[in-house]
Amino acid sequence: MYNKKFDIQLGHGEEIEEQLREFFSGRKIEVKSERYIWEKTGNHFLEYSYRGKPSGIATTEADYWAFVMVKDEKIVISYITPVFLLKKLARKYYNTDRDVIGGDGNQSKGILIPIEELAQIYKYI
């Protein structure tokens, strides 16, 4: 059975894929995944220091940062944002109770970024 609506939707999907390919061409993207704990805390740990030295968001050369939330080894949600906006959001929480020690072996410092705010990050422009 032929479904014209499917053809239209497929065409739109392919157009968006091509636009994304063109948009990200030549740009660097850093991808960070969160497994399990994000559901309980509602946060993403954005590292900026490891063993007392700048790391993560403080040293990235990426243009964009991708947050990938994983559950049962499957992607359930992802946010891609320009690094400059992410840094602006992180500064809001620097030296607050969201500026914490964490990561593997508690060797890192980072900002607990509310996942809800990632979806609204453009308000920080």
PDB file of N, CA and C in Angstrom:
ATOM      1  N   MET A   1       0.839  -1.171   0.000  1.00  0.00           N
ATOM      2  CA  MET A   1       0.000   0.000   0.000  1.00  0.00           C
ATOM      3  C   MET A   1       0.895   1.249   0.000  1.00  0.00           C
ATOM      4  N   TYR A   2       0.654   2.154  -0.879  1.00  0.00           N
ATOM      5  CA  TYR A   2       1.431   3.374  -1.035  1.00  0.00           C
ATOM      6  C   TYR A   2       0.928   4.425  -0.051  1.00  0.00           C
ATOM      7  N   ASN A   3       1.834   5.090   0.637  1.00  0.00           N
ATOM      8  CA  ASN A   3       1.464   6.115   1.604  1.00  0.00           C
ATOM      9  C   ASN A   3       2.205   7.403   1.267  1.00  0.00           C
ATOM     10  N   LYS A   4       1.514   8.328   0.624  1.00  0.00           N
ATOM     11  CA  LYS A   4       2.123   9.596   0.201  1.00  0.00           C
ATOM     12  C   LYS A   4       2.647  10.391   1.390  1.00  0.00           C
ATOM     13  N   LYS A   5       1.960  10.332   2.527  1.00  0.00           N
ATOM     14  CA  LYS A   5       2.386  11.064   3.718  1.00  0.00           C
ATOM     15  C   LYS A   5       3.786  10.601   4.150  1.00  0.00           C
ATOM     16  N   PHE A   6       4.048   9.307   4.057  1.00  0.00           N
ATOM     17  CA  PHE A   6       5.370   8.783   4.412  1.00  0.00           C
ATOM     18  C   PHE A   6       6.434   9.383   3.506  1.00  0.00           C
ATOM     19  N   ASP A   7       6.162   9.490   2.236  1.00  0.00           N
ATOM     20  CA  ASP A   7       7.129  10.085   1.295  1.00  0.00           C
ATOM     21  C   ASP A   7       7.451  11.518   1.673  1.00  0.00           C
ATOM     22  N   ILE A   8       6.424  12.277   2.052  1.00  0.00           N
ATOM     23  CA  ILE A   8       6.618  13.679   2.442  1.00  0.00           C
ATOM     24  C   ILE A   8       7.467  13.748   3.712  1.00  0.00           C
ATOM     25  N   GLN A   9       7.126  12.941   4.705  1.00  0.00           N
ATOM     26  CA  GLN A   9       7.878  12.938   5.966  1.00  0.00           C
ATOM     27  C   GLN A   9       9.315  12.482   5.739  1.00  0.00           C
ATOM     28  N   LEU A  10       9.496  11.485   4.915  1.00  0.00           N
ATOM     29  CA  LEU A  10      10.844  11.002   4.603  1.00  0.00           C
ATOM     30  C   LEU A  10      11.646  12.109   3.928  1.00  0.00           C
ATOM     31  N   GLY A  11      11.017  12.818   3.011  1.00  0.00           N
ATOM     32  CA  GLY A  11      11.691  13.921   2.329  1.00  0.00           C
ATOM     33  C   GLY A  11      12.115  15.009   3.296  1.00  0.00           C
ATOM     34  N   HIS A  12      11.238  15.362   4.228  1.00  0.00           N
ATOM     35  CA  HIS A  12      11.578  16.382   5.231  1.00  0.00           C
ATOM     36  C   HIS A  12      12.724  15.890   6.110  1.00  0.00           C
ATOM     37  N   GLY A  13      12.675  14.637   6.505  1.00  0.00           N
ATOM     38  CA  GLY A  13      13.739  14.066   7.332  1.00  0.00           C
ATOM     39  C   GLY A  13      15.085  14.102   6.628  1.00  0.00           C
ATOM     40  N   GLU A  14      15.091  13.769   5.364  1.00  0.00           N
ATOM     41  CA  GLU A  14      16.341  13.786   4.593  1.00  0.00           C
ATOM     42  C   GLU A  14      16.867  15.215   4.437  1.00  0.00           C
ATOM     43  N   GLU A  15      15.950  16.183   4.267  1.00  0.00           N
ATOM     44  CA  GLU A  15      16.363  17.589   4.159  1.00  0.00           C
ATOM     45  C   GLU A  15      17.032  18.048   5.459  1.00  0.00           C
ATOM     46  N   ILE A  16      16.448  17.691   6.591  1.00  0.00           N
ATOM     47  CA  ILE A  16      17.007  18.075   7.892  1.00  0.00           C
ATOM     48  C   ILE A  16      18.358  17.395   8.105  1.00  0.00           C
ATOM     49  N   GLU A  17      18.469  16.132   7.742  1.00  0.00           N
ATOM     50  CA  GLU A  17      19.758  15.437   7.855  1.00  0.00           C
ATOM     51  C   GLU A  17      20.832  16.159   7.056  1.00  0.00           C
ATOM     52  N   GLU A  18      20.503  16.574   5.866  1.00  0.00           N
ATOM     53  CA  GLU A  18      21.470  17.286   5.029  1.00  0.00           C
ATOM     54  C   GLU A  18      21.835  18.637   5.647  1.00  0.00           C
ATOM     55  N   GLN A  19      20.852  19.337   6.183  1.00  0.00           N
ATOM     56  CA  GLN A  19      21.138  20.611   6.841  1.00  0.00           C
ATOM     57  C   GLN A  19      22.060  20.411   8.042  1.00  0.00           C
ATOM     58  N   LEU A  20      21.810  19.377   8.833  1.00  0.00           N
ATOM     59  CA  LEU A  20      22.686  19.085   9.971  1.00  0.00           C
ATOM     60  C   LEU A  20      24.098  18.746   9.526  1.00  0.00           C
ATOM     61  N   ARG A  21      24.205  17.951   8.489  1.00  0.00           N
ATOM     62  CA  ARG A  21      25.520  17.578   7.945  1.00  0.00           C
ATOM     63  C   ARG A  21      26.280  18.842   7.519  1.00  0.00           C
ATOM     64  N   GLU A  22      25.613  19.738   6.824  1.00  0.00           N
ATOM     65  CA  GLU A  22      26.243  20.989   6.392  1.00  0.00           C
ATOM     66  C   GLU A  22      26.582  21.878   7.588  1.00  0.00           C
ATOM     67  N   PHE A  23      25.668  21.962   8.547  1.00  0.00           N
ATOM     68  CA  PHE A  23      25.867  22.819   9.712  1.00  0.00           C
ATOM     69  C   PHE A  23      27.093  22.392  10.513  1.00  0.00           C
ATOM     70  N   PHE A  24      27.257  21.090  10.738  1.00  0.00           N
ATOM     71  CA  PHE A  24      28.353  20.602  11.564  1.00  0.00           C
ATOM     72  C   PHE A  24      29.635  20.334  10.779  1.00  0.00           C
ATOM     73  N   SER A  25      29.598  20.492   9.486  1.00  0.00           N
ATOM     74  CA  SER A  25      30.791  20.272   8.672  1.00  0.00           C
ATOM     75  C   SER A  25      31.894  21.245   9.086  1.00  0.00           C
ATOM     76  N   GLY A  26      33.052  20.708   9.432  1.00  0.00           N
ATOM     77  CA  GLY A  26      34.187  21.532   9.811  1.00  0.00           C
ATOM     78  C   GLY A  26      34.146  22.036  11.243  1.00  0.00           C
ATOM     79  N   ARG A  27      33.132  21.667  12.001  1.00  0.00           N
ATOM     80  CA  ARG A  27      33.030  22.077  13.403  1.00  0.00           C
ATOM     81  C   ARG A  27      33.375  20.898  14.304  1.00  0.00           C
ATOM     82  N   LYS A  28      33.882  21.225  15.482  1.00  0.00           N
ATOM     83  CA  LYS A  28      34.246  20.189  16.442  1.00  0.00           C
ATOM     84  C   LYS A  28      33.133  20.043  17.480  1.00  0.00           C
ATOM     85  N   ILE A  29      32.814  18.794  17.799  1.00  0.00           N
ATOM     86  CA  ILE A  29      31.785  18.489  18.786  1.00  0.00           C
ATOM     87  C   ILE A  29      32.381  17.570  19.845  1.00  0.00           C
ATOM     88  N   GLU A  30      32.230  17.951  21.108  1.00  0.00           N
ATOM     89  CA  GLU A  30      32.640  17.094  22.217  1.00  0.00           C
ATOM     90  C   GLU A  30      31.390  16.405  22.727  1.00  0.00           C
ATOM     91  N   VAL A  31      31.463  15.093  22.885  1.00  0.00           N
ATOM     92  CA  VAL A  31      30.304  14.317  23.295  1.00  0.00           C
ATOM     93  C   VAL A  31      30.553  13.729  24.681  1.00  0.00           C
ATOM     94  N   LYS A  32      29.637  13.991  25.596  1.00  0.00           N
ATOM     95  CA  LYS A  32      29.694  13.454  26.951  1.00  0.00           C
ATOM     96  C   LYS A  32      28.405  12.701  27.222  1.00  0.00           C
ATOM     97  N   SER A  33      28.539  11.498  27.729  1.00  0.00           N
ATOM     98  CA  SER A  33      27.340  10.723  28.045  1.00  0.00           C
ATOM     99  C   SER A  33      27.170  10.603  29.550  1.00  0.00           C
ATOM    100  N   GLU A  34      25.943  10.561  29.961  1.00  0.00           N
ATOM    101  CA  GLU A  34      25.565  10.350  31.362  1.00  0.00           C
ATOM    102  C   GLU A  34      24.786   9.055  31.419  1.00  0.00           C
ATOM    103  N   ARG A  35      25.209   8.184  32.310  1.00  0.00           N
ATOM    104  CA  ARG A  35      24.510   6.922  32.493  1.00  0.00           C
ATOM    105  C   ARG A  35      23.948   6.855  33.907  1.00  0.00           C
ATOM    106  N   TYR A  36      22.715   6.441  34.011  1.00  0.00           N
ATOM    107  CA  TYR A  36      22.054   6.097  35.265  1.00  0.00           C
ATOM    108  C   TYR A  36      21.792   7.260  36.209  1.00  0.00           C
ATOM    109  N   ILE A  37      22.806   7.908  36.729  1.00  0.00           N
ATOM    110  CA  ILE A  37      22.616   8.872  37.829  1.00  0.00           C
ATOM    111  C   ILE A  37      21.833  10.115  37.413  1.00  0.00           C
ATOM    112  N   TRP A  38      21.876  10.469  36.137  1.00  0.00           N
ATOM    113  CA  TRP A  38      21.167  11.664  35.680  1.00  0.00           C
ATOM    114  C   TRP A  38      19.679  11.584  35.986  1.00  0.00           C
ATOM    115  N   GLU A  39      19.110  10.376  35.930  1.00  0.00           N
ATOM    116  CA  GLU A  39      17.677  10.219  36.206  1.00  0.00           C
ATOM    117  C   GLU A  39      17.362  10.552  37.662  1.00  0.00           C
ATOM    118  N   LYS A  40      18.255  10.184  38.563  1.00  0.00           N
ATOM    119  CA  LYS A  40      18.037  10.430  39.990  1.00  0.00           C
ATOM    120  C   LYS A  40      18.300  11.885  40.362  1.00  0.00           C
ATOM    121  N   THR A  41      19.352  12.469  39.796  1.00  0.00           N
ATOM    122  CA  THR A  41      19.770  13.810  40.206  1.00  0.00           C
ATOM    123  C   THR A  41      19.169  14.926  39.362  1.00  0.00           C
ATOM    124  N   GLY A  42      18.865  14.628  38.102  1.00  0.00           N
ATOM    125  CA  GLY A  42      18.379  15.665  37.191  1.00  0.00           C
ATOM    126  C   GLY A  42      19.484  16.604  36.733  1.00  0.00           C
ATOM    127  N   ASN A  43      20.749  16.168  36.903  1.00  0.00           N
ATOM    128  CA  ASN A  43      21.902  17.015  36.585  1.00  0.00           C
ATOM    129  C   ASN A  43      22.874  16.329  35.633  1.00  0.00           C
ATOM    130  N   HIS A  44      23.690  17.164  35.006  1.00  0.00           N
ATOM    131  CA  HIS A  44      24.861  16.703  34.257  1.00  0.00           C
ATOM    132  C   HIS A  44      26.078  17.304  34.948  1.00  0.00           C
ATOM    133  N   PHE A  45      27.082  16.489  35.224  1.00  0.00           N
ATOM    134  CA  PHE A  45      28.317  16.958  35.846  1.00  0.00           C
ATOM    135  C   PHE A  45      29.226  17.480  34.743  1.00  0.00           C
ATOM    136  N   LEU A  46      29.462  18.776  34.750  1.00  0.00           N
ATOM    137  CA  LEU A  46      30.279  19.429  33.733  1.00  0.00           C
ATOM    138  C   LEU A  46      31.659  19.696  34.326  1.00  0.00           C
ATOM    139  N   GLU A  47      32.598  18.828  34.004  1.00  0.00           N
ATOM    140  CA  GLU A  47      33.947  18.916  34.570  1.00  0.00           C
ATOM    141  C   GLU A  47      34.700  20.132  34.037  1.00  0.00           C
ATOM    142  N   TYR A  48      35.409  20.801  34.952  1.00  0.00           N
ATOM    143  CA  TYR A  48      36.286  21.898  34.533  1.00  0.00           C
ATOM    144  C   TYR A  48      37.694  21.766  35.109  1.00  0.00           C
ATOM    145  N   SER A  49      37.908  20.803  36.015  1.00  0.00           N
ATOM    146  CA  SER A  49      39.232  20.611  36.607  1.00  0.00           C
ATOM    147  C   SER A  49      39.418  19.145  36.974  1.00  0.00           C
ATOM    148  N   TYR A  50      40.624  18.625  36.739  1.00  0.00           N
ATOM    149  CA  TYR A  50      40.961  17.254  37.110  1.00  0.00           C
ATOM    150  C   TYR A  50      42.329  17.269  37.786  1.00  0.00           C
ATOM    151  N   ARG A  51      42.349  16.788  39.026  1.00  0.00           N
ATOM    152  CA  ARG A  51      43.581  16.790  39.820  1.00  0.00           C
ATOM    153  C   ARG A  51      44.232  18.173  39.871  1.00  0.00           C
ATOM    154  N   GLY A  52      43.410  19.198  40.026  1.00  0.00           N
ATOM    155  CA  GLY A  52      43.889  20.558  40.182  1.00  0.00           C
ATOM    156  C   GLY A  52      44.290  21.272  38.905  1.00  0.00           C
ATOM    157  N   LYS A  53      44.109  20.628  37.762  1.00  0.00           N
ATOM    158  CA  LYS A  53      44.468  21.248  36.488  1.00  0.00           C
ATOM    159  C   LYS A  53      43.226  21.429  35.625  1.00  0.00           C
ATOM    160  N   PRO A  54      43.187  22.500  34.828  1.00  0.00           N
ATOM    161  CA  PRO A  54      42.026  22.706  33.951  1.00  0.00           C
ATOM    162  C   PRO A  54      41.789  21.497  33.047  1.00  0.00           C
ATOM    163  N   SER A  55      40.522  21.183  32.862  1.00  0.00           N
ATOM    164  CA  SER A  55      40.130  20.065  31.994  1.00  0.00           C
ATOM    165  C   SER A  55      38.703  20.294  31.521  1.00  0.00           C
ATOM    166  N   GLY A  56      38.179  19.346  30.782  1.00  0.00           N
ATOM    167  CA  GLY A  56      36.779  19.399  30.364  1.00  0.00           C
ATOM    168  C   GLY A  56      36.404  20.680  29.656  1.00  0.00           C
ATOM    169  N   ILE A  57      35.372  21.327  30.160  1.00  0.00           N
ATOM    170  CA  ILE A  57      34.844  22.542  29.519  1.00  0.00           C
ATOM    171  C   ILE A  57      35.874  23.671  29.524  1.00  0.00           C
ATOM    172  N   ALA A  58      36.793  23.664  30.493  1.00  0.00           N
ATOM    173  CA  ALA A  58      37.801  24.730  30.584  1.00  0.00           C
ATOM    174  C   ALA A  58      38.864  24.616  29.502  1.00  0.00           C
ATOM    175  N   THR A  59      39.046  23.432  28.949  1.00  0.00           N
ATOM    176  CA  THR A  59      40.115  23.235  27.966  1.00  0.00           C
ATOM    177  C   THR A  59      39.622  22.778  26.601  1.00  0.00           C
ATOM    178  N   THR A  60      38.328  22.558  26.468  1.00  0.00           N
ATOM    179  CA  THR A  60      37.821  22.036  25.200  1.00  0.00           C
ATOM    180  C   THR A  60      38.134  22.970  24.032  1.00  0.00           C
ATOM    181  N   GLU A  61      38.390  22.371  22.896  1.00  0.00           N
ATOM    182  CA  GLU A  61      38.562  23.125  21.655  1.00  0.00           C
ATOM    183  C   GLU A  61      37.343  22.969  20.753  1.00  0.00           C
ATOM    184  N   ALA A  62      36.328  22.306  21.312  1.00  0.00           N
ATOM    185  CA  ALA A  62      35.105  22.049  20.548  1.00  0.00           C
ATOM    186  C   ALA A  62      34.282  23.322  20.391  1.00  0.00           C
ATOM    187  N   ASP A  63      33.534  23.350  19.304  1.00  0.00           N
ATOM    188  CA  ASP A  63      32.581  24.423  19.050  1.00  0.00           C
ATOM    189  C   ASP A  63      31.236  24.121  19.710  1.00  0.00           C
ATOM    190  N   TYR A  64      30.918  22.823  19.804  1.00  0.00           N
ATOM    191  CA  TYR A  64      29.648  22.360  20.341  1.00  0.00           C
ATOM    192  C   TYR A  64      29.898  21.258  21.349  1.00  0.00           C
ATOM    193  N   TRP A  65      28.984  21.156  22.308  1.00  0.00           N
ATOM    194  CA  TRP A  65      29.058  20.147  23.354  1.00  0.00           C
ATOM    195  C   TRP A  65      27.773  19.352  23.269  1.00  0.00           C
ATOM    196  N   ALA A  66      27.888  18.049  23.180  1.00  0.00           N
ATOM    197  CA  ALA A  66      26.708  17.183  23.111  1.00  0.00           C
ATOM    198  C   ALA A  66      26.570  16.410  24.414  1.00  0.00           C
ATOM    199  N   PHE A  67      25.419  16.545  25.035  1.00  0.00           N
ATOM    200  CA  PHE A  67      25.080  15.775  26.228  1.00  0.00           C
ATOM    201  C   PHE A  67      24.208  14.629  25.764  1.00  0.00           C
ATOM    202  N   VAL A  68      24.576  13.424  26.105  1.00  0.00           N
ATOM    203  CA  VAL A  68      23.799  12.261  25.696  1.00  0.00           C
ATOM    204  C   VAL A  68      23.394  11.509  26.961  1.00  0.00           C
ATOM    205  N   MET A  69      22.105  11.458  27.232  1.00  0.00           N
ATOM    206  CA  MET A  69      21.587  10.757  28.400  1.00  0.00           C
ATOM    207  C   MET A  69      21.243   9.332  27.979  1.00  0.00           C
ATOM    208  N   VAL A  70      21.816   8.384  28.702  1.00  0.00           N
ATOM    209  CA  VAL A  70      21.709   6.976  28.344  1.00  0.00           C
ATOM    210  C   VAL A  70      20.987   6.212  29.451  1.00  0.00           C
ATOM    211  N   LYS A  71      20.115   5.327  29.041  1.00  0.00           N
ATOM    212  CA  LYS A  71      19.437   4.420  29.975  1.00  0.00           C
ATOM    213  C   LYS A  71      19.417   3.041  29.331  1.00  0.00           C
ATOM    214  N   ASP A  72      19.849   2.049  30.076  1.00  0.00           N
ATOM    215  CA  ASP A  72      19.914   0.676  29.558  1.00  0.00           C
ATOM    216  C   ASP A  72      20.690   0.619  28.241  1.00  0.00           C
ATOM    217  N   GLU A  73      21.792   1.400  28.202  1.00  0.00           N
ATOM    218  CA  GLU A  73      22.703   1.466  27.052  1.00  0.00           C
ATOM    219  C   GLU A  73      22.036   1.975  25.775  1.00  0.00           C
ATOM    220  N   LYS A  74      20.941   2.714  25.935  1.00  0.00           N
ATOM    221  CA  LYS A  74      20.270   3.324  24.786  1.00  0.00           C
ATOM    222  C   LYS A  74      20.132   4.818  25.037  1.00  0.00           C
ATOM    223  N   ILE A  75      20.329   5.602  23.996  1.00  0.00           N
ATOM    224  CA  ILE A  75      20.167   7.043  24.094  1.00  0.00           C
ATOM    225  C   ILE A  75      18.685   7.352  24.277  1.00  0.00           C
ATOM    226  N   VAL A  76      18.386   8.132  25.321  1.00  0.00           N
ATOM    227  CA  VAL A  76      16.990   8.518  25.537  1.00  0.00           C
ATOM    228  C   VAL A  76      16.772  10.002  25.254  1.00  0.00           C
ATOM    229  N   ILE A  77      17.816  10.801  25.397  1.00  0.00           N
ATOM    230  CA  ILE A  77      17.709  12.223  25.072  1.00  0.00           C
ATOM    231  C   ILE A  77      19.109  12.773  24.859  1.00  0.00           C
ATOM    232  N   SER A  78      19.184  13.789  24.017  1.00  0.00           N
ATOM    233  CA  SER A  78      20.473  14.414  23.743  1.00  0.00           C
ATOM    234  C   SER A  78      20.263  15.904  23.519  1.00  0.00           C
ATOM    235  N   TYR A  79      21.225  16.682  24.012  1.00  0.00           N
ATOM    236  CA  TYR A  79      21.233  18.123  23.787  1.00  0.00           C
ATOM    237  C   TYR A  79      22.573  18.490  23.171  1.00  0.00           C
ATOM    238  N   ILE A  80      22.533  19.300  22.151  1.00  0.00           N
ATOM    239  CA  ILE A  80      23.766  19.804  21.532  1.00  0.00           C
ATOM    240  C   ILE A  80      23.704  21.315  21.640  1.00  0.00           C
ATOM    241  N   THR A  81      24.749  21.889  22.217  1.00  0.00           N
ATOM    242  CA  THR A  81      24.738  23.335  22.445  1.00  0.00           C
ATOM    243  C   THR A  81      26.087  23.951  22.124  1.00  0.00           C
ATOM    244  N   PRO A  82      26.094  25.188  21.694  1.00  0.00           N
ATOM    245  CA  PRO A  82      27.370  25.869  21.481  1.00  0.00           C
ATOM    246  C   PRO A  82      28.126  25.971  22.805  1.00  0.00           C
ATOM    247  N   VAL A  83      29.422  25.746  22.775  1.00  0.00           N
ATOM    248  CA  VAL A  83      30.240  25.780  23.983  1.00  0.00           C
ATOM    249  C   VAL A  83      30.159  27.136  24.676  1.00  0.00           C
ATOM    250  N   PHE A  84      30.126  28.228  23.911  1.00  0.00           N
ATOM    251  CA  PHE A  84      30.095  29.542  24.554  1.00  0.00           C
ATOM    252  C   PHE A  84      28.848  29.723  25.419  1.00  0.00           C
ATOM    253  N   LEU A  85      27.719  29.149  25.017  1.00  0.00           N
ATOM    254  CA  LEU A  85      26.506  29.248  25.827  1.00  0.00           C
ATOM    255  C   LEU A  85      26.606  28.368  27.067  1.00  0.00           C
ATOM    256  N   LEU A  86      27.191  27.198  26.899  1.00  0.00           N
ATOM    257  CA  LEU A  86      27.368  26.288  28.027  1.00  0.00           C
ATOM    258  C   LEU A  86      28.278  26.914  29.084  1.00  0.00           C
ATOM    259  N   LYS A  87      29.341  27.564  28.645  1.00  0.00           N
ATOM    260  CA  LYS A  87      30.237  28.244  29.592  1.00  0.00           C
ATOM    261  C   LYS A  87      29.497  29.357  30.329  1.00  0.00           C
ATOM    262  N   LYS A  88      28.649  30.071  29.623  1.00  0.00           N
ATOM    263  CA  LYS A  88      27.877  31.143  30.245  1.00  0.00           C
ATOM    264  C   LYS A  88      26.949  30.567  31.321  1.00  0.00           C
ATOM    265  N   LEU A  89      26.302  29.457  31.025  1.00  0.00           N
ATOM    266  CA  LEU A  89      25.437  28.799  31.997  1.00  0.00           C
ATOM    267  C   LEU A  89      26.257  28.305  33.194  1.00  0.00           C
ATOM    268  N   ALA A  90      27.392  27.702  32.943  1.00  0.00           N
ATOM    269  CA  ALA A  90      28.225  27.167  34.022  1.00  0.00           C
ATOM    270  C   ALA A  90      28.692  28.272  34.962  1.00  0.00           C
ATOM    271  N   ARG A  91      29.016  29.437  34.418  1.00  0.00           N
ATOM    272  CA  ARG A  91      29.466  30.566  35.258  1.00  0.00           C
ATOM    273  C   ARG A  91      28.402  30.967  36.278  1.00  0.00           C
ATOM    274  N   LYS A  92      27.154  30.777  35.918  1.00  0.00           N
ATOM    275  CA  LYS A  92      26.047  31.091  36.829  1.00  0.00           C
ATOM    276  C   LYS A  92      26.171  30.274  38.123  1.00  0.00           C
ATOM    277  N   TYR A  93      26.697  29.068  38.028  1.00  0.00           N
ATOM    278  CA  TYR A  93      26.769  28.154  39.173  1.00  0.00           C
ATOM    279  C   TYR A  93      28.167  28.033  39.783  1.00  0.00           C
ATOM    280  N   TYR A  94      29.147  28.700  39.198  1.00  0.00           N
ATOM    281  CA  TYR A  94      30.518  28.635  39.724  1.00  0.00           C
ATOM    282  C   TYR A  94      30.544  29.243  41.133  1.00  0.00           C
ATOM    283  N   ASN A  95      31.248  28.575  42.045  1.00  0.00           N
ATOM    284  CA  ASN A  95      31.346  29.000  43.448  1.00  0.00           C
ATOM    285  C   ASN A  95      29.990  29.035  44.169  1.00  0.00           C
ATOM    286  N   THR A  96      29.091  28.126  43.776  1.00  0.00           N
ATOM    287  CA  THR A  96      27.821  27.955  44.493  1.00  0.00           C
ATOM    288  C   THR A  96      27.785  26.514  44.993  1.00  0.00           C
ATOM    289  N   ASP A  97      26.672  26.109  45.544  1.00  0.00           N
ATOM    290  CA  ASP A  97      26.550  24.723  46.011  1.00  0.00           C
ATOM    291  C   ASP A  97      26.493  23.727  44.848  1.00  0.00           C
ATOM    292  N   ARG A  98      26.426  24.212  43.605  1.00  0.00           N
ATOM    293  CA  ARG A  98      26.450  23.333  42.432  1.00  0.00           C
ATOM    294  C   ARG A  98      27.869  23.142  41.895  1.00  0.00           C
ATOM    295  N   ASP A  99      28.826  23.793  42.483  1.00  0.00           N
ATOM    296  CA  ASP A  99      30.248  23.661  42.134  1.00  0.00           C
ATOM    297  C   ASP A  99      30.806  22.596  43.080  1.00  0.00           C
ATOM    298  N   VAL A 100      30.970  21.380  42.574  1.00  0.00           N
ATOM    299  CA  VAL A 100      31.220  20.229  43.450  1.00  0.00           C
ATOM    300  C   VAL A 100      32.436  19.408  43.017  1.00  0.00           C
ATOM    301  N   ILE A 101      32.850  18.554  43.923  1.00  0.00           N
ATOM    302  CA  ILE A 101      33.879  17.555  43.637  1.00  0.00           C
ATOM    303  C   ILE A 101      33.149  16.297  43.189  1.00  0.00           C
ATOM    304  N   GLY A 102      33.686  15.625  42.174  1.00  0.00           N
ATOM    305  CA  GLY A 102      33.025  14.417  41.690  1.00  0.00           C
ATOM    306  C   GLY A 102      33.884  13.685  40.683  1.00  0.00           C
ATOM    307  N   GLY A 103      33.219  12.975  39.800  1.00  0.00           N
ATOM    308  CA  GLY A 103      33.939  12.205  38.788  1.00  0.00           C
ATOM    309  C   GLY A 103      34.543  10.940  39.387  1.00  0.00           C
ATOM    310  N   ASP A 104      35.283  10.236  38.581  1.00  0.00           N
ATOM    311  CA  ASP A 104      35.912   8.994  39.028  1.00  0.00           C
ATOM    312  C   ASP A 104      36.890   9.264  40.155  1.00  0.00           C
ATOM    313  N   GLY A 105      36.672   8.641  41.295  1.00  0.00           N
ATOM    314  CA  GLY A 105      37.566   8.795  42.434  1.00  0.00           C
ATOM    315  C   GLY A 105      37.544  10.183  43.046  1.00  0.00           C
ATOM    316  N   ASN A 106      36.516  10.966  42.772  1.00  0.00           N
ATOM    317  CA  ASN A 106      36.422  12.341  43.275  1.00  0.00           C
ATOM    318  C   ASN A 106      37.677  13.150  42.986  1.00  0.00           C
ATOM    319  N   GLN A 107      38.228  12.979  41.806  1.00  0.00           N
ATOM    320  CA  GLN A 107      39.432  13.695  41.390  1.00  0.00           C
ATOM    321  C   GLN A 107      39.115  14.939  40.560  1.00  0.00           C
ATOM    322  N   SER A 108      37.849  15.167  40.295  1.00  0.00           N
ATOM    323  CA  SER A 108      37.448  16.261  39.409  1.00  0.00           C
ATOM    324  C   SER A 108      36.634  17.306  40.165  1.00  0.00           C
ATOM    325  N   LYS A 109      36.621  18.499  39.616  1.00  0.00           N
ATOM    326  CA  LYS A 109      35.698  19.541  40.050  1.00  0.00           C
ATOM    327  C   LYS A 109      34.805  19.835  38.847  1.00  0.00           C
ATOM    328  N   GLY A 110      33.565  20.130  39.157  1.00  0.00           N
ATOM    329  CA  GLY A 110      32.647  20.417  38.072  1.00  0.00           C
ATOM    330  C   GLY A 110      31.399  21.101  38.570  1.00  0.00           C
ATOM    331  N   ILE A 111      30.599  21.486  37.628  1.00  0.00           N
ATOM    332  CA  ILE A 111      29.336  22.166  37.890  1.00  0.00           C
ATOM    333  C   ILE A 111      28.201  21.189  37.617  1.00  0.00           C
ATOM    334  N   LEU A 112      27.273  21.101  38.556  1.00  0.00           N
ATOM    335  CA  LEU A 112      26.069  20.305  38.335  1.00  0.00           C
ATOM    336  C   LEU A 112      25.084  21.168  37.552  1.00  0.00           C
ATOM    337  N   ILE A 113      24.977  20.869  36.275  1.00  0.00           N
ATOM    338  CA  ILE A 113      24.081  21.617  35.381  1.00  0.00           C
ATOM    339  C   ILE A 113      22.710  20.928  35.382  1.00  0.00           C
ATOM    340  N   PRO A 114      21.656  21.644  35.775  1.00  0.00           N
ATOM    341  CA  PRO A 114      20.322  21.043  35.707  1.00  0.00           C
ATOM    342  C   PRO A 114      19.963  20.699  34.253  1.00  0.00           C
ATOM    343  N   ILE A 115      19.583  19.472  34.039  1.00  0.00           N
ATOM    344  CA  ILE A 115      19.239  19.023  32.689  1.00  0.00           C
ATOM    345  C   ILE A 115      18.104  19.871  32.111  1.00  0.00           C
ATOM    346  N   GLU A 116      17.172  20.278  32.965  1.00  0.00           N
ATOM    347  CA  GLU A 116      16.073  21.146  32.500  1.00  0.00           C
ATOM    348  C   GLU A 116      16.606  22.411  31.834  1.00  0.00           C
ATOM    349  N   GLU A 117      17.704  22.945  32.369  1.00  0.00           N
ATOM    350  CA  GLU A 117      18.245  24.189  31.822  1.00  0.00           C
ATOM    351  C   GLU A 117      18.953  23.970  30.492  1.00  0.00           C
ATOM    352  N   LEU A 118      19.395  22.757  30.227  1.00  0.00           N
ATOM    353  CA  LEU A 118      20.013  22.483  28.924  1.00  0.00           C
ATOM    354  C   LEU A 118      18.998  22.684  27.810  1.00  0.00           C
ATOM    355  N   ALA A 119      17.757  22.334  28.091  1.00  0.00           N
ATOM    356  CA  ALA A 119      16.706  22.482  27.087  1.00  0.00           C
ATOM    357  C   ALA A 119      16.355  23.948  26.856  1.00  0.00           C
ATOM    358  N   GLN A 120      16.739  24.817  27.794  1.00  0.00           N
ATOM    359  CA  GLN A 120      16.406  26.239  27.691  1.00  0.00           C
ATOM    360  C   GLN A 120      17.667  27.095  27.603  1.00  0.00           C
ATOM    361  N   ILE A 121      18.764  26.533  27.167  1.00  0.00           N
ATOM    362  CA  ILE A 121      20.054  27.201  27.234  1.00  0.00           C
ATOM    363  C   ILE A 121      20.104  28.505  26.440  1.00  0.00           C
ATOM    364  N   TYR A 122      19.266  28.652  25.451  1.00  0.00           N
ATOM    365  CA  TYR A 122      19.333  29.865  24.641  1.00  0.00           C
ATOM    366  C   TYR A 122      18.900  31.117  25.388  1.00  0.00           C
ATOM    367  N   LYS A 123      18.332  30.948  26.573  1.00  0.00           N
ATOM    368  CA  LYS A 123      17.983  32.124  27.376  1.00  0.00           C
ATOM    369  C   LYS A 123      19.238  32.796  27.930  1.00  0.00           C
ATOM    370  N   TYR A 124      20.401  32.132  27.787  1.00  0.00           N
ATOM    371  CA  TYR A 124      21.656  32.683  28.302  1.00  0.00           C
ATOM    372  C   TYR A 124      22.400  33.513  27.253  1.00  0.00           C
ATOM    373  N   ILE A 125      21.783  33.737  26.120  1.00  0.00           N
ATOM    374  CA  ILE A 125      22.427  34.559  25.080  1.00  0.00           C
ATOM    375  C   ILE A 125      22.467  35.999  25.547  1.00  0.00           C
TER     376      ILE A 125
END
